[in-house]
Amino acid sequence: MGNSANNVWSSIKRLLIVVNFDEIDTMNQWREAIKMSGLNIHDCKILGIVETKKERIAMREMNSVVYISDKDFGLLGRLKNEDAQRTLSDRYSAVLIVGTIPKKIEKALRKVSTSIDIGLNSNHEHRTINLRTEESAPKYMLNFVKQTVEKIS
């Protein structure tokens, strides 16, 4: 594994992970995966995509996790979810998009200020790096991304 101080992973300090929400346990697993990867959870965010605005509002607060729905966008494409607006206006070293996400959210993510844009099991061709894995557990998925990106200098 690349322990070189000049690999791409070592330059990542602030990570935004975008995932489709399935259950609270999975969000906690992503938080743990961030910690296990050596990143500071307080410098990272998880953007969980939910089906409806009602579902988003019902979610309990969790540090480092923000929820978004494609129903949070107005007719002209303006995002009406203040938490998501704040999250998307931050600067990140990297954005990791896991899986396929709704077009409106994809479009909003294009405006995020980031150095590296990684897709994992996603079909978005304009990512800096596109990776595929059979893994489904967050800790293995993020570790796979870390190990792969560590090889890039």
N, C-alpha and C. Protein backbone atom coordinates (compact mmCIF):
# COMPACT_ATOMS: atom_id res chain seq x y z
N MET A 1 0.83 -1.19 0.00
CA MET A 1 0.00 0.00 0.00
C MET A 1 0.87 1.24 0.00
N GLY A 2 0.36 2.29 -0.66
CA GLY A 2 1.15 3.50 -0.75
C GLY A 2 1.11 4.30 0.53
N ASN A 3 2.21 4.37 1.22
CA ASN A 3 2.30 5.22 2.40
C ASN A 3 2.95 6.55 2.04
N SER A 4 3.19 6.73 0.78
CA SER A 4 3.84 7.94 0.30
C SER A 4 3.01 9.16 0.69
N ALA A 5 3.69 10.19 1.16
CA ALA A 5 3.01 11.40 1.59
C ALA A 5 2.45 12.18 0.40
N ASN A 6 2.80 11.78 -0.82
CA ASN A 6 2.31 12.54 -1.97
C ASN A 6 1.29 11.76 -2.79
N ASN A 7 0.63 10.75 -2.19
CA ASN A 7 -0.44 10.09 -2.94
C ASN A 7 -1.73 10.89 -2.79
N VAL A 8 -2.68 10.62 -3.66
CA VAL A 8 -3.91 11.40 -3.69
C VAL A 8 -4.69 11.27 -2.37
N TRP A 9 -4.76 10.06 -1.80
CA TRP A 9 -5.52 9.88 -0.56
C TRP A 9 -4.96 10.76 0.57
N SER A 10 -3.65 10.88 0.66
CA SER A 10 -3.06 11.66 1.75
C SER A 10 -3.42 13.15 1.65
N SER A 11 -3.85 13.60 0.48
CA SER A 11 -4.25 15.00 0.33
C SER A 11 -5.70 15.23 0.73
N ILE A 12 -6.44 14.16 0.99
CA ILE A 12 -7.86 14.28 1.34
C ILE A 12 -8.00 14.53 2.84
N LYS A 13 -8.56 15.68 3.16
CA LYS A 13 -8.82 16.03 4.56
C LYS A 13 -10.32 16.15 4.81
N ARG A 14 -11.03 16.72 3.85
CA ARG A 14 -12.49 16.91 3.96
C ARG A 14 -13.15 16.11 2.85
N LEU A 15 -13.97 15.14 3.26
CA LEU A 15 -14.61 14.24 2.31
C LEU A 15 -16.12 14.37 2.42
N LEU A 16 -16.79 14.48 1.28
CA LEU A 16 -18.25 14.43 1.22
C LEU A 16 -18.61 13.10 0.58
N ILE A 17 -19.35 12.26 1.31
CA ILE A 17 -19.81 10.98 0.78
C ILE A 17 -21.30 11.10 0.50
N VAL A 18 -21.69 10.78 -0.72
CA VAL A 18 -23.09 10.86 -1.13
C VAL A 18 -23.60 9.44 -1.34
N VAL A 19 -24.61 9.06 -0.55
CA VAL A 19 -25.14 7.69 -0.62
C VAL A 19 -26.66 7.71 -0.60
N ASN A 20 -27.24 6.69 -1.20
CA ASN A 20 -28.68 6.51 -1.11
C ASN A 20 -28.99 5.92 0.27
N PHE A 21 -29.91 6.55 0.96
CA PHE A 21 -30.26 6.12 2.31
C PHE A 21 -31.05 4.82 2.27
N ASP A 22 -30.69 3.86 3.13
CA ASP A 22 -31.54 2.69 3.28
C ASP A 22 -31.97 2.52 4.74
N GLU A 23 -31.05 2.71 5.68
CA GLU A 23 -31.42 2.64 7.10
C GLU A 23 -30.38 3.38 7.94
N ILE A 24 -30.80 3.76 9.14
CA ILE A 24 -29.93 4.52 10.04
C ILE A 24 -28.63 3.77 10.32
N ASP A 25 -28.72 2.46 10.50
CA ASP A 25 -27.52 1.66 10.77
C ASP A 25 -26.45 1.87 9.70
N THR A 26 -26.88 1.96 8.46
CA THR A 26 -25.93 2.15 7.36
C THR A 26 -25.24 3.51 7.47
N MET A 27 -25.98 4.53 7.87
CA MET A 27 -25.38 5.86 8.05
C MET A 27 -24.32 5.79 9.16
N ASN A 28 -24.63 5.08 10.23
CA ASN A 28 -23.65 4.90 11.31
C ASN A 28 -22.43 4.13 10.82
N GLN A 29 -22.65 3.14 9.95
CA GLN A 29 -21.53 2.38 9.39
C GLN A 29 -20.65 3.26 8.52
N TRP A 30 -21.23 4.20 7.77
CA TRP A 30 -20.44 5.14 6.97
C TRP A 30 -19.62 6.04 7.89
N ARG A 31 -20.22 6.48 9.00
CA ARG A 31 -19.48 7.32 9.96
C ARG A 31 -18.28 6.55 10.51
N GLU A 32 -18.50 5.28 10.88
CA GLU A 32 -17.41 4.44 11.39
C GLU A 32 -16.35 4.22 10.31
N ALA A 33 -16.79 4.02 9.07
CA ALA A 33 -15.85 3.80 7.96
C ALA A 33 -14.94 5.02 7.78
N ILE A 34 -15.51 6.21 7.92
CA ILE A 34 -14.71 7.45 7.81
C ILE A 34 -13.63 7.45 8.88
N LYS A 35 -14.03 7.14 10.11
CA LYS A 35 -13.06 7.11 11.23
C LYS A 35 -11.98 6.07 10.97
N MET A 36 -12.37 4.87 10.50
CA MET A 36 -11.42 3.79 10.26
C MET A 36 -10.44 4.12 9.12
N SER A 37 -10.87 5.01 8.22
CA SER A 37 -10.02 5.36 7.08
C SER A 37 -8.93 6.36 7.46
N GLY A 38 -9.00 6.86 8.69
CA GLY A 38 -7.99 7.82 9.14
C GLY A 38 -8.40 9.27 8.97
N LEU A 39 -9.61 9.49 8.46
CA LEU A 39 -10.10 10.87 8.30
C LEU A 39 -10.79 11.31 9.58
N ASN A 40 -10.84 12.60 9.80
CA ASN A 40 -11.53 13.16 10.95
C ASN A 40 -13.01 13.29 10.61
N ILE A 41 -13.87 12.58 11.34
CA ILE A 41 -15.31 12.59 11.07
C ILE A 41 -15.87 14.01 11.13
N HIS A 42 -15.28 14.88 11.94
CA HIS A 42 -15.78 16.25 12.07
C HIS A 42 -15.47 17.11 10.85
N ASP A 43 -14.55 16.66 10.01
CA ASP A 43 -14.21 17.38 8.78
C ASP A 43 -14.91 16.78 7.56
N CYS A 44 -15.71 15.75 7.78
CA CYS A 44 -16.36 15.05 6.67
C CYS A 44 -17.88 15.11 6.82
N LYS A 45 -18.57 14.92 5.72
CA LYS A 45 -20.04 14.92 5.72
C LYS A 45 -20.53 13.72 4.92
N ILE A 46 -21.70 13.24 5.32
CA ILE A 46 -22.40 12.21 4.57
C ILE A 46 -23.71 12.83 4.12
N LEU A 47 -23.96 12.81 2.83
CA LEU A 47 -25.21 13.31 2.29
C LEU A 47 -26.06 12.09 1.94
N GLY A 48 -27.08 11.84 2.75
CA GLY A 48 -27.96 10.69 2.54
C GLY A 48 -29.16 11.08 1.70
N ILE A 49 -29.36 10.37 0.61
CA ILE A 49 -30.46 10.68 -0.30
C ILE A 49 -31.68 9.86 0.11
N VAL A 50 -32.78 10.55 0.42
CA VAL A 50 -34.03 9.91 0.80
C VAL A 50 -35.07 10.14 -0.30
N GLU A 51 -36.15 9.35 -0.26
CA GLU A 51 -37.18 9.42 -1.30
C GLU A 51 -37.98 10.72 -1.27
N THR A 52 -38.41 11.12 -0.07
CA THR A 52 -39.33 12.25 0.02
C THR A 52 -38.86 13.28 1.04
N LYS A 53 -39.41 14.47 0.90
CA LYS A 53 -39.14 15.54 1.86
C LYS A 53 -39.66 15.14 3.24
N LYS A 54 -40.81 14.48 3.26
CA LYS A 54 -41.41 14.02 4.53
C LYS A 54 -40.45 13.06 5.25
N GLU A 55 -39.85 12.14 4.50
CA GLU A 55 -38.90 11.19 5.07
C GLU A 55 -37.67 11.94 5.61
N ARG A 56 -37.21 12.95 4.83
CA ARG A 56 -36.05 13.74 5.27
C ARG A 56 -36.34 14.44 6.59
N ILE A 57 -37.50 15.03 6.70
CA ILE A 57 -37.87 15.78 7.91
C ILE A 57 -38.00 14.84 9.11
N ALA A 58 -38.43 13.60 8.87
CA ALA A 58 -38.62 12.63 9.95
C ALA A 58 -37.30 12.06 10.49
N MET A 59 -36.20 12.24 9.75
CA MET A 59 -34.92 11.66 10.16
C MET A 59 -34.40 12.37 11.41
N ARG A 60 -33.82 11.58 12.30
CA ARG A 60 -33.27 12.19 13.51
C ARG A 60 -31.91 12.82 13.18
N GLU A 61 -31.59 13.84 13.93
CA GLU A 61 -30.29 14.52 13.75
C GLU A 61 -29.15 13.55 14.03
N MET A 62 -28.14 13.59 13.21
CA MET A 62 -26.96 12.77 13.43
C MET A 62 -25.76 13.60 13.00
N ASN A 63 -24.75 13.69 13.86
CA ASN A 63 -23.55 14.45 13.51
C ASN A 63 -22.98 13.99 12.18
N SER A 64 -22.59 14.93 11.37
CA SER A 64 -21.92 14.69 10.09
C SER A 64 -22.82 14.11 9.00
N VAL A 65 -24.11 13.95 9.28
CA VAL A 65 -25.03 13.41 8.27
C VAL A 65 -26.10 14.44 7.95
N VAL A 66 -26.29 14.68 6.65
CA VAL A 66 -27.33 15.59 6.18
C VAL A 66 -28.15 14.81 5.15
N TYR A 67 -29.46 15.03 5.17
CA TYR A 67 -30.33 14.31 4.24
C TYR A 67 -30.84 15.25 3.16
N ILE A 68 -31.06 14.68 1.98
CA ILE A 68 -31.56 15.43 0.84
C ILE A 68 -32.50 14.53 0.04
N SER A 69 -33.47 15.16 -0.60
CA SER A 69 -34.39 14.45 -1.48
C SER A 69 -34.47 15.23 -2.79
N ASP A 70 -34.72 14.53 -3.90
CA ASP A 70 -34.86 15.31 -5.14
C ASP A 70 -36.15 16.12 -5.13
N LYS A 71 -37.00 15.91 -4.11
CA LYS A 71 -38.21 16.72 -3.93
C LYS A 71 -37.87 18.04 -3.23
N ASP A 72 -36.62 18.21 -2.80
CA ASP A 72 -36.18 19.45 -2.15
C ASP A 72 -35.88 20.56 -3.16
N PHE A 73 -36.03 20.27 -4.44
CA PHE A 73 -35.72 21.24 -5.47
C PHE A 73 -37.01 21.85 -6.01
N GLY A 74 -36.98 23.18 -6.21
CA GLY A 74 -38.12 23.88 -6.76
C GLY A 74 -38.23 23.67 -8.26
N LEU A 75 -39.23 24.29 -8.87
CA LEU A 75 -39.49 24.17 -10.30
C LEU A 75 -38.28 24.56 -11.15
N LEU A 76 -37.56 25.58 -10.73
CA LEU A 76 -36.42 26.06 -11.51
C LEU A 76 -35.10 25.41 -11.07
N GLY A 77 -35.19 24.37 -10.27
CA GLY A 77 -33.99 23.64 -9.87
C GLY A 77 -33.29 24.19 -8.64
N ARG A 78 -33.93 25.17 -7.96
CA ARG A 78 -33.31 25.76 -6.77
C ARG A 78 -33.52 24.85 -5.56
N LEU A 79 -32.45 24.58 -4.83
CA LEU A 79 -32.50 23.73 -3.65
C LEU A 79 -33.13 24.49 -2.49
N LYS A 80 -34.17 23.90 -1.89
CA LYS A 80 -34.89 24.57 -0.80
C LYS A 80 -34.57 23.98 0.58
N ASN A 81 -33.63 23.07 0.65
CA ASN A 81 -33.23 22.40 1.90
C ASN A 81 -31.99 23.13 2.43
N GLU A 82 -32.15 23.89 3.52
CA GLU A 82 -31.05 24.73 4.02
C GLU A 82 -29.84 23.92 4.49
N ASP A 83 -30.08 22.79 5.16
CA ASP A 83 -28.95 21.96 5.62
C ASP A 83 -28.14 21.46 4.43
N ALA A 84 -28.84 21.00 3.40
CA ALA A 84 -28.15 20.50 2.20
C ALA A 84 -27.45 21.66 1.48
N GLN A 85 -28.07 22.84 1.45
CA GLN A 85 -27.43 24.01 0.83
C GLN A 85 -26.10 24.31 1.50
N ARG A 86 -26.10 24.32 2.84
CA ARG A 86 -24.86 24.59 3.59
C ARG A 86 -23.81 23.52 3.29
N THR A 87 -24.24 22.27 3.28
CA THR A 87 -23.31 21.16 3.02
C THR A 87 -22.71 21.28 1.63
N LEU A 88 -23.53 21.57 0.64
CA LEU A 88 -23.05 21.65 -0.75
C LEU A 88 -22.25 22.92 -1.02
N SER A 89 -22.36 23.92 -0.16
CA SER A 89 -21.59 25.15 -0.38
C SER A 89 -20.20 25.08 0.26
N ASP A 90 -19.96 24.05 1.09
CA ASP A 90 -18.63 23.86 1.68
C ASP A 90 -17.63 23.40 0.63
N ARG A 91 -16.36 23.54 0.95
CA ARG A 91 -15.28 23.05 0.07
C ARG A 91 -14.81 21.71 0.62
N TYR A 92 -14.60 20.75 -0.28
CA TYR A 92 -14.15 19.41 0.10
C TYR A 92 -12.90 19.03 -0.68
N SER A 93 -12.03 18.26 -0.05
CA SER A 93 -10.86 17.72 -0.77
C SER A 93 -11.34 16.73 -1.81
N ALA A 94 -12.39 15.97 -1.45
CA ALA A 94 -12.91 14.95 -2.37
C ALA A 94 -14.40 14.75 -2.14
N VAL A 95 -15.08 14.36 -3.21
CA VAL A 95 -16.48 13.95 -3.15
C VAL A 95 -16.52 12.51 -3.62
N LEU A 96 -17.17 11.66 -2.83
CA LEU A 96 -17.35 10.25 -3.19
C LEU A 96 -18.84 9.99 -3.37
N ILE A 97 -19.22 9.64 -4.59
CA ILE A 97 -20.62 9.33 -4.87
C ILE A 97 -20.75 7.82 -5.01
N VAL A 98 -21.58 7.24 -4.15
CA VAL A 98 -21.76 5.80 -4.12
C VAL A 98 -23.10 5.45 -4.78
N GLY A 99 -23.03 4.67 -5.85
CA GLY A 99 -24.25 4.25 -6.54
C GLY A 99 -24.78 5.31 -7.49
N THR A 100 -25.98 5.07 -7.95
CA THR A 100 -26.64 5.99 -8.88
C THR A 100 -27.51 6.94 -8.08
N ILE A 101 -27.44 8.21 -8.42
CA ILE A 101 -28.20 9.22 -7.68
C ILE A 101 -29.13 9.97 -8.63
N PRO A 102 -30.20 10.60 -8.09
CA PRO A 102 -31.14 11.35 -8.93
C PRO A 102 -30.45 12.50 -9.68
N LYS A 103 -30.96 12.77 -10.88
CA LYS A 103 -30.37 13.81 -11.75
C LYS A 103 -30.29 15.19 -11.08
N LYS A 104 -31.33 15.58 -10.36
CA LYS A 104 -31.33 16.91 -9.72
C LYS A 104 -30.20 17.02 -8.69
N ILE A 105 -29.98 15.95 -7.95
CA ILE A 105 -28.92 15.95 -6.94
C ILE A 105 -27.55 15.90 -7.63
N GLU A 106 -27.46 15.12 -8.68
CA GLU A 106 -26.22 15.05 -9.47
C GLU A 106 -25.84 16.44 -9.98
N LYS A 107 -26.83 17.16 -10.49
CA LYS A 107 -26.58 18.51 -11.02
C LYS A 107 -26.10 19.45 -9.91
N ALA A 108 -26.72 19.36 -8.74
CA ALA A 108 -26.31 20.20 -7.60
C ALA A 108 -24.88 19.87 -7.17
N LEU A 109 -24.51 18.60 -7.24
CA LEU A 109 -23.17 18.17 -6.83
C LEU A 109 -22.09 18.69 -7.77
N ARG A 110 -22.44 18.96 -9.01
CA ARG A 110 -21.45 19.49 -9.97
C ARG A 110 -20.93 20.85 -9.55
N LYS A 111 -21.69 21.56 -8.71
CA LYS A 111 -21.30 22.89 -8.27
C LYS A 111 -20.44 22.87 -7.00
N VAL A 112 -20.30 21.70 -6.40
CA VAL A 112 -19.51 21.58 -5.17
C VAL A 112 -18.03 21.81 -5.48
N SER A 113 -17.39 22.61 -4.65
CA SER A 113 -15.97 22.90 -4.82
C SER A 113 -15.15 21.73 -4.26
N THR A 114 -14.46 21.02 -5.17
CA THR A 114 -13.68 19.86 -4.77
C THR A 114 -12.49 19.67 -5.70
N SER A 115 -11.46 19.02 -5.17
CA SER A 115 -10.27 18.72 -5.98
C SER A 115 -10.42 17.41 -6.74
N ILE A 116 -11.10 16.45 -6.13
CA ILE A 116 -11.22 15.13 -6.75
C ILE A 116 -12.64 14.61 -6.58
N ASP A 117 -13.17 14.05 -7.64
CA ASP A 117 -14.55 13.60 -7.70
C ASP A 117 -14.53 12.11 -8.02
N ILE A 118 -14.95 11.28 -7.05
CA ILE A 118 -14.85 9.83 -7.19
C ILE A 118 -16.24 9.21 -7.26
N GLY A 119 -16.44 8.34 -8.23
CA GLY A 119 -17.67 7.58 -8.32
C GLY A 119 -17.39 6.14 -7.94
N LEU A 120 -18.23 5.56 -7.10
CA LEU A 120 -18.09 4.16 -6.72
C LEU A 120 -19.39 3.45 -7.09
N ASN A 121 -19.29 2.50 -8.02
CA ASN A 121 -20.46 1.79 -8.52
C ASN A 121 -21.51 2.76 -9.06
N SER A 122 -21.04 3.84 -9.66
CA SER A 122 -21.96 4.82 -10.25
C SER A 122 -21.75 4.84 -11.76
N ASN A 123 -22.72 5.36 -12.46
CA ASN A 123 -22.66 5.37 -13.92
C ASN A 123 -22.42 6.78 -14.46
N HIS A 124 -21.74 7.60 -13.70
CA HIS A 124 -21.51 8.98 -14.11
C HIS A 124 -20.13 9.10 -14.72
N GLU A 125 -20.07 9.31 -16.01
CA GLU A 125 -18.80 9.28 -16.73
C GLU A 125 -17.92 10.50 -16.49
N HIS A 126 -18.46 11.59 -15.94
CA HIS A 126 -17.63 12.79 -15.77
C HIS A 126 -16.91 12.85 -14.42
N ARG A 127 -16.85 11.77 -13.69
CA ARG A 127 -16.08 11.71 -12.44
C ARG A 127 -14.58 11.69 -12.76
N THR A 128 -13.76 12.20 -11.84
CA THR A 128 -12.30 12.13 -12.00
C THR A 128 -11.87 10.66 -12.00
N ILE A 129 -12.45 9.89 -11.08
CA ILE A 129 -12.13 8.46 -10.95
C ILE A 129 -13.44 7.70 -10.82
N ASN A 130 -13.58 6.63 -11.58
CA ASN A 130 -14.74 5.73 -11.46
C ASN A 130 -14.25 4.37 -11.01
N LEU A 131 -14.79 3.88 -9.91
CA LEU A 131 -14.38 2.59 -9.36
C LEU A 131 -15.58 1.66 -9.25
N ARG A 132 -15.29 0.37 -9.25
CA ARG A 132 -16.33 -0.65 -9.08
C ARG A 132 -15.87 -1.66 -8.04
N THR A 133 -16.82 -2.08 -7.21
CA THR A 133 -16.53 -3.13 -6.23
C THR A 133 -17.80 -3.94 -6.00
N GLU A 134 -17.61 -5.19 -5.62
CA GLU A 134 -18.73 -6.06 -5.26
C GLU A 134 -19.11 -5.86 -3.79
N GLU A 135 -18.26 -5.18 -3.05
CA GLU A 135 -18.50 -4.97 -1.62
C GLU A 135 -19.76 -4.13 -1.41
N SER A 136 -20.44 -4.36 -0.29
CA SER A 136 -21.62 -3.55 0.01
C SER A 136 -21.56 -2.92 1.40
N ALA A 137 -20.66 -3.39 2.25
CA ALA A 137 -20.52 -2.81 3.58
C ALA A 137 -19.69 -1.52 3.49
N PRO A 138 -20.17 -0.43 4.10
CA PRO A 138 -19.45 0.84 4.02
C PRO A 138 -17.97 0.76 4.35
N LYS A 139 -17.58 0.03 5.41
CA LYS A 139 -16.16 0.00 5.79
C LYS A 139 -15.31 -0.63 4.69
N TYR A 140 -15.83 -1.64 4.02
CA TYR A 140 -15.08 -2.27 2.93
C TYR A 140 -15.08 -1.40 1.68
N MET A 141 -16.20 -0.73 1.43
CA MET A 141 -16.27 0.14 0.25
C MET A 141 -15.29 1.30 0.37
N LEU A 142 -15.30 1.97 1.54
CA LEU A 142 -14.42 3.12 1.71
C LEU A 142 -12.96 2.68 1.76
N ASN A 143 -12.70 1.53 2.36
CA ASN A 143 -11.33 1.01 2.39
C ASN A 143 -10.85 0.69 0.97
N PHE A 144 -11.73 0.15 0.14
CA PHE A 144 -11.40 -0.13 -1.26
C PHE A 144 -11.04 1.17 -1.98
N VAL A 145 -11.83 2.21 -1.77
CA VAL A 145 -11.55 3.52 -2.38
C VAL A 145 -10.20 4.03 -1.88
N LYS A 146 -9.99 3.96 -0.57
CA LYS A 146 -8.74 4.45 0.01
C LYS A 146 -7.54 3.71 -0.59
N GLN A 147 -7.59 2.38 -0.60
CA GLN A 147 -6.46 1.59 -1.12
C GLN A 147 -6.20 1.88 -2.59
N THR A 148 -7.27 2.06 -3.36
CA THR A 148 -7.11 2.34 -4.79
C THR A 148 -6.52 3.73 -5.01
N VAL A 149 -7.06 4.72 -4.30
CA VAL A 149 -6.62 6.10 -4.47
C VAL A 149 -5.20 6.31 -3.91
N GLU A 150 -4.81 5.52 -2.91
CA GLU A 150 -3.44 5.61 -2.38
C GLU A 150 -2.41 5.25 -3.44
N LYS A 151 -2.80 4.48 -4.43
CA LYS A 151 -1.87 4.07 -5.48
C LYS A 151 -1.66 5.16 -6.52
N ILE A 152 -2.46 6.22 -6.44
CA ILE A 152 -2.36 7.32 -7.41
C ILE A 152 -1.53 8.43 -6.78
N SER A 153 -0.51 8.88 -7.51
CA SER A 153 0.30 9.99 -6.96
C SER A 153 0.26 11.18 -7.89
